[in-house]
Amino acid sequence: MKKFLKQFCLRGMMYAWGGPVISAVVWLCLEAAGVESVLPVRRVVVAILSTTFMAFIASGISVVYQMENLPKPVAALIQAAVLYVNYLGIYLLNGWVPAGEIGRFTIIFVIIFAVIWFLTYLPIRIKVNKMNRMLDQK
């Protein structure tokens, strides 16, 4: 468990810089949509710190796939649950998702997670099948 916690922290620290980048992209989108043009300092600080934390957790949780005794579908469900709670909490904290839109957020999250997971899993599965065929031929 200590090994996985260390990997979680290392991955989190490597990609936590993505938090401020996420904030910048969200603010640019809000400005382009005419929703936001001037931000109070406190709101900027909360958004930067919270999205840094969000990026830390989001990148660190991928360590679940290194747990050899954990089936991949279970690892995917753990990752999905952690990401969902992480994203929803940060988005609500920053006011990026209104409380009345949690259902819509959930549907969009599930669809995007499934698509990304499938697009990641499919090439790996094809490669493994190809390697297995090559081993069978030898």
C-alpha atoms as a PDB file:
ATOM      1  CA  MET A   1       0.000   0.000   0.000  1.00  0.00           C
ATOM      2  CA  LYS A   2       2.906   2.326   0.766  1.00  0.00           C
ATOM      3  CA  LYS A   3       4.167   1.843  -2.806  1.00  0.00           C
ATOM      4  CA  PHE A   4       0.797   2.860  -4.252  1.00  0.00           C
ATOM      5  CA  LEU A   5       0.500   5.894  -1.985  1.00  0.00           C
ATOM      6  CA  LYS A   6       3.974   7.005  -3.069  1.00  0.00           C
ATOM      7  CA  GLN A   7       3.015   6.559  -6.760  1.00  0.00           C
ATOM      8  CA  PHE A   8      -0.249   8.421  -6.157  1.00  0.00           C
ATOM      9  CA  CYS A   9       1.643  11.389  -4.691  1.00  0.00           C
ATOM     10  CA  LEU A  10       4.329  11.354  -7.385  1.00  0.00           C
ATOM     11  CA  ARG A  11       1.777  11.316 -10.187  1.00  0.00           C
ATOM     12  CA  GLY A  12      -0.265  13.978  -8.466  1.00  0.00           C
ATOM     13  CA  MET A  13       2.726  16.288  -8.066  1.00  0.00           C
ATOM     14  CA  MET A  14       3.808  15.755 -11.678  1.00  0.00           C
ATOM     15  CA  TYR A  15       0.461  16.899 -13.078  1.00  0.00           C
ATOM     16  CA  ALA A  16      -0.856  19.312 -10.435  1.00  0.00           C
ATOM     17  CA  TRP A  17       0.358  22.197 -12.630  1.00  0.00           C
ATOM     18  CA  GLY A  18      -2.621  21.405 -14.841  1.00  0.00           C
ATOM     19  CA  GLY A  19      -4.932  22.953 -12.247  1.00  0.00           C
ATOM     20  CA  PRO A  20      -4.103  26.584 -13.004  1.00  0.00           C
ATOM     21  CA  VAL A  21      -4.226  25.792 -16.728  1.00  0.00           C
ATOM     22  CA  ILE A  22      -7.736  24.359 -16.249  1.00  0.00           C
ATOM     23  CA  SER A  23      -8.751  27.545 -14.424  1.00  0.00           C
ATOM     24  CA  ALA A  24      -7.400  29.710 -17.234  1.00  0.00           C
ATOM     25  CA  VAL A  25      -9.274  27.714 -19.900  1.00  0.00           C
ATOM     26  CA  VAL A  26     -12.541  27.849 -17.931  1.00  0.00           C
ATOM     27  CA  TRP A  27     -12.216  31.616 -17.450  1.00  0.00           C
ATOM     28  CA  LEU A  28     -11.466  32.144 -21.142  1.00  0.00           C
ATOM     29  CA  CYS A  29     -14.574  30.138 -22.036  1.00  0.00           C
ATOM     30  CA  LEU A  30     -16.692  32.092 -19.540  1.00  0.00           C
ATOM     31  CA  GLU A  31     -15.391  35.383 -20.927  1.00  0.00           C
ATOM     32  CA  ALA A  32     -16.035  34.267 -24.530  1.00  0.00           C
ATOM     33  CA  ALA A  33     -19.601  33.358 -23.549  1.00  0.00           C
ATOM     34  CA  GLY A  34     -20.097  36.773 -21.960  1.00  0.00           C
ATOM     35  CA  VAL A  35     -20.582  35.275 -18.501  1.00  0.00           C
ATOM     36  CA  GLU A  36     -17.447  36.527 -16.766  1.00  0.00           C
ATOM     37  CA  SER A  37     -15.107  39.408 -17.474  1.00  0.00           C
ATOM     38  CA  VAL A  38     -13.675  40.568 -14.132  1.00  0.00           C
ATOM     39  CA  LEU A  39     -12.736  38.188 -11.329  1.00  0.00           C
ATOM     40  CA  PRO A  40     -12.208  39.088  -7.667  1.00  0.00           C
ATOM     41  CA  VAL A  41      -8.785  38.114  -6.288  1.00  0.00           C
ATOM     42  CA  ARG A  42     -10.292  35.715  -3.719  1.00  0.00           C
ATOM     43  CA  ARG A  43     -12.180  33.853  -6.458  1.00  0.00           C
ATOM     44  CA  VAL A  44      -8.999  33.537  -8.540  1.00  0.00           C
ATOM     45  CA  VAL A  45      -7.026  32.195  -5.571  1.00  0.00           C
ATOM     46  CA  VAL A  46      -9.732  29.659  -4.650  1.00  0.00           C
ATOM     47  CA  ALA A  47     -10.010  28.505  -8.269  1.00  0.00           C
ATOM     48  CA  ILE A  48      -6.252  28.115  -8.716  1.00  0.00           C
ATOM     49  CA  LEU A  49      -5.760  26.214  -5.449  1.00  0.00           C
ATOM     50  CA  SER A  50      -8.845  24.036  -5.902  1.00  0.00           C
ATOM     51  CA  THR A  51      -8.028  23.111  -9.502  1.00  0.00           C
ATOM     52  CA  THR A  52      -4.447  22.345  -8.516  1.00  0.00           C
ATOM     53  CA  PHE A  53      -5.856  19.940  -5.917  1.00  0.00           C
ATOM     54  CA  MET A  54      -8.276  18.566  -8.519  1.00  0.00           C
ATOM     55  CA  ALA A  55      -5.450  17.883 -10.985  1.00  0.00           C
ATOM     56  CA  PHE A  56      -3.380  16.243  -8.223  1.00  0.00           C
ATOM     57  CA  ILE A  57      -6.193  13.810  -7.355  1.00  0.00           C
ATOM     58  CA  ALA A  58      -7.176  13.182 -10.990  1.00  0.00           C
ATOM     59  CA  SER A  59      -3.663  12.193 -12.018  1.00  0.00           C
ATOM     60  CA  GLY A  60      -2.864  10.295  -8.845  1.00  0.00           C
ATOM     61  CA  ILE A  61      -5.937   8.050  -8.948  1.00  0.00           C
ATOM     62  CA  SER A  62      -4.690   6.320 -12.089  1.00  0.00           C
ATOM     63  CA  VAL A  63      -2.483   4.323  -9.731  1.00  0.00           C
ATOM     64  CA  VAL A  64      -5.453   1.960  -9.207  1.00  0.00           C
ATOM     65  CA  TYR A  65      -4.579   0.291 -12.509  1.00  0.00           C
ATOM     66  CA  GLN A  66      -1.218  -0.803 -11.065  1.00  0.00           C
ATOM     67  CA  MET A  67      -2.876  -2.900  -8.366  1.00  0.00           C
ATOM     68  CA  GLU A  68      -2.420  -6.343  -9.870  1.00  0.00           C
ATOM     69  CA  ASN A  69      -5.070  -8.090  -7.771  1.00  0.00           C
ATOM     70  CA  LEU A  70      -7.703  -5.523  -8.741  1.00  0.00           C
ATOM     71  CA  PRO A  71      -9.754  -6.400 -11.851  1.00  0.00           C
ATOM     72  CA  LYS A  72      -9.665  -3.670 -14.510  1.00  0.00           C
ATOM     73  CA  PRO A  73     -13.447  -3.003 -14.428  1.00  0.00           C
ATOM     74  CA  VAL A  74     -13.265  -2.506 -10.639  1.00  0.00           C
ATOM     75  CA  ALA A  75     -10.268  -0.191 -11.047  1.00  0.00           C
ATOM     76  CA  ALA A  76     -12.228   1.764 -13.661  1.00  0.00           C
ATOM     77  CA  LEU A  77     -15.216   2.102 -11.303  1.00  0.00           C
ATOM     78  CA  ILE A  78     -12.959   3.307  -8.479  1.00  0.00           C
ATOM     79  CA  GLN A  79     -11.281   5.790 -10.802  1.00  0.00           C
ATOM     80  CA  ALA A  80     -14.647   6.991 -12.133  1.00  0.00           C
ATOM     81  CA  ALA A  81     -16.090   7.447  -8.631  1.00  0.00           C
ATOM     82  CA  VAL A  82     -13.058   9.374  -7.371  1.00  0.00           C
ATOM     83  CA  LEU A  83     -12.952  11.567 -10.483  1.00  0.00           C
ATOM     84  CA  TYR A  84     -16.699  12.233 -10.320  1.00  0.00           C
ATOM     85  CA  VAL A  85     -16.595  13.337  -6.681  1.00  0.00           C
ATOM     86  CA  ASN A  86     -13.389  15.295  -7.297  1.00  0.00           C
ATOM     87  CA  TYR A  87     -14.657  17.162 -10.373  1.00  0.00           C
ATOM     88  CA  LEU A  88     -18.156  17.769  -9.072  1.00  0.00           C
ATOM     89  CA  GLY A  89     -16.881  19.083  -5.751  1.00  0.00           C
ATOM     90  CA  ILE A  90     -14.414  21.486  -7.364  1.00  0.00           C
ATOM     91  CA  TYR A  91     -16.900  22.632 -10.021  1.00  0.00           C
ATOM     92  CA  LEU A  92     -19.564  23.325  -7.369  1.00  0.00           C
ATOM     93  CA  LEU A  93     -17.024  25.088  -5.129  1.00  0.00           C
ATOM     94  CA  ASN A  94     -16.042  27.399  -7.973  1.00  0.00           C
ATOM     95  CA  GLY A  95     -19.612  27.903  -9.213  1.00  0.00           C
ATOM     96  CA  TRP A  96     -18.837  26.358 -12.611  1.00  0.00           C
ATOM     97  CA  VAL A  97     -21.783  23.950 -12.343  1.00  0.00           C
ATOM     98  CA  PRO A  98     -24.998  25.245 -10.769  1.00  0.00           C
ATOM     99  CA  ALA A  99     -26.423  22.956  -8.083  1.00  0.00           C
ATOM    100  CA  GLY A 100     -29.523  22.411 -10.242  1.00  0.00           C
ATOM    101  CA  GLU A 101     -27.410  20.987 -13.081  1.00  0.00           C
ATOM    102  CA  ILE A 102     -25.838  18.045 -11.206  1.00  0.00           C
ATOM    103  CA  GLY A 103     -27.940  15.535 -13.154  1.00  0.00           C
ATOM    104  CA  ARG A 104     -26.797  16.938 -16.493  1.00  0.00           C
ATOM    105  CA  PHE A 105     -23.190  17.057 -15.234  1.00  0.00           C
ATOM    106  CA  THR A 106     -23.454  13.397 -14.186  1.00  0.00           C
ATOM    107  CA  ILE A 107     -24.729  12.275 -17.594  1.00  0.00           C
ATOM    108  CA  ILE A 108     -22.023  14.210 -19.414  1.00  0.00           C
ATOM    109  CA  PHE A 109     -19.351  12.883 -17.042  1.00  0.00           C
ATOM    110  CA  VAL A 110     -20.430   9.262 -17.523  1.00  0.00           C
ATOM    111  CA  ILE A 111     -20.490   9.590 -21.315  1.00  0.00           C
ATOM    112  CA  ILE A 112     -17.096  11.311 -21.520  1.00  0.00           C
ATOM    113  CA  PHE A 113     -15.491   8.899 -19.036  1.00  0.00           C
ATOM    114  CA  ALA A 114     -16.815   5.888 -20.940  1.00  0.00           C
ATOM    115  CA  VAL A 115     -15.608   7.238 -24.290  1.00  0.00           C
ATOM    116  CA  ILE A 116     -12.133   8.069 -22.975  1.00  0.00           C
ATOM    117  CA  TRP A 117     -11.839   4.735 -21.168  1.00  0.00           C
ATOM    118  CA  PHE A 118     -12.954   2.855 -24.287  1.00  0.00           C
ATOM    119  CA  LEU A 119     -10.564   4.808 -26.536  1.00  0.00           C
ATOM    120  CA  THR A 120      -7.728   4.036 -24.132  1.00  0.00           C
ATOM    121  CA  TYR A 121      -8.670   0.385 -23.605  1.00  0.00           C
ATOM    122  CA  LEU A 122      -9.339  -0.557 -27.234  1.00  0.00           C
ATOM    123  CA  PRO A 123      -5.799  -0.004 -28.632  1.00  0.00           C
ATOM    124  CA  ILE A 124      -4.300  -1.819 -25.640  1.00  0.00           C
ATOM    125  CA  ARG A 125      -6.668  -4.747 -26.159  1.00  0.00           C
ATOM    126  CA  ILE A 126      -5.840  -4.896 -29.885  1.00  0.00           C
ATOM    127  CA  LYS A 127      -2.117  -4.865 -29.118  1.00  0.00           C
ATOM    128  CA  VAL A 128      -2.452  -7.628 -26.507  1.00  0.00           C
ATOM    129  CA  ASN A 129      -4.492  -9.777 -28.912  1.00  0.00           C
ATOM    130  CA  LYS A 130      -1.879  -9.259 -31.626  1.00  0.00           C
ATOM    131  CA  MET A 131       0.924 -10.261 -29.260  1.00  0.00           C
ATOM    132  CA  ASN A 132      -1.027 -13.342 -28.158  1.00  0.00           C
ATOM    133  CA  ARG A 133      -1.518 -14.399 -31.803  1.00  0.00           C
ATOM    134  CA  MET A 134       2.210 -13.968 -32.437  1.00  0.00           C
ATOM    135  CA  LEU A 135       3.009 -16.114 -29.390  1.00  0.00           C
ATOM    136  CA  ASP A 136       0.554 -18.788 -30.552  1.00  0.00           C
ATOM    137  CA  GLN A 137       2.257 -18.933 -33.945  1.00  0.00           C
ATOM    138  CA  LYS A 138       5.685 -19.614 -32.416  1.00  0.00           C
END
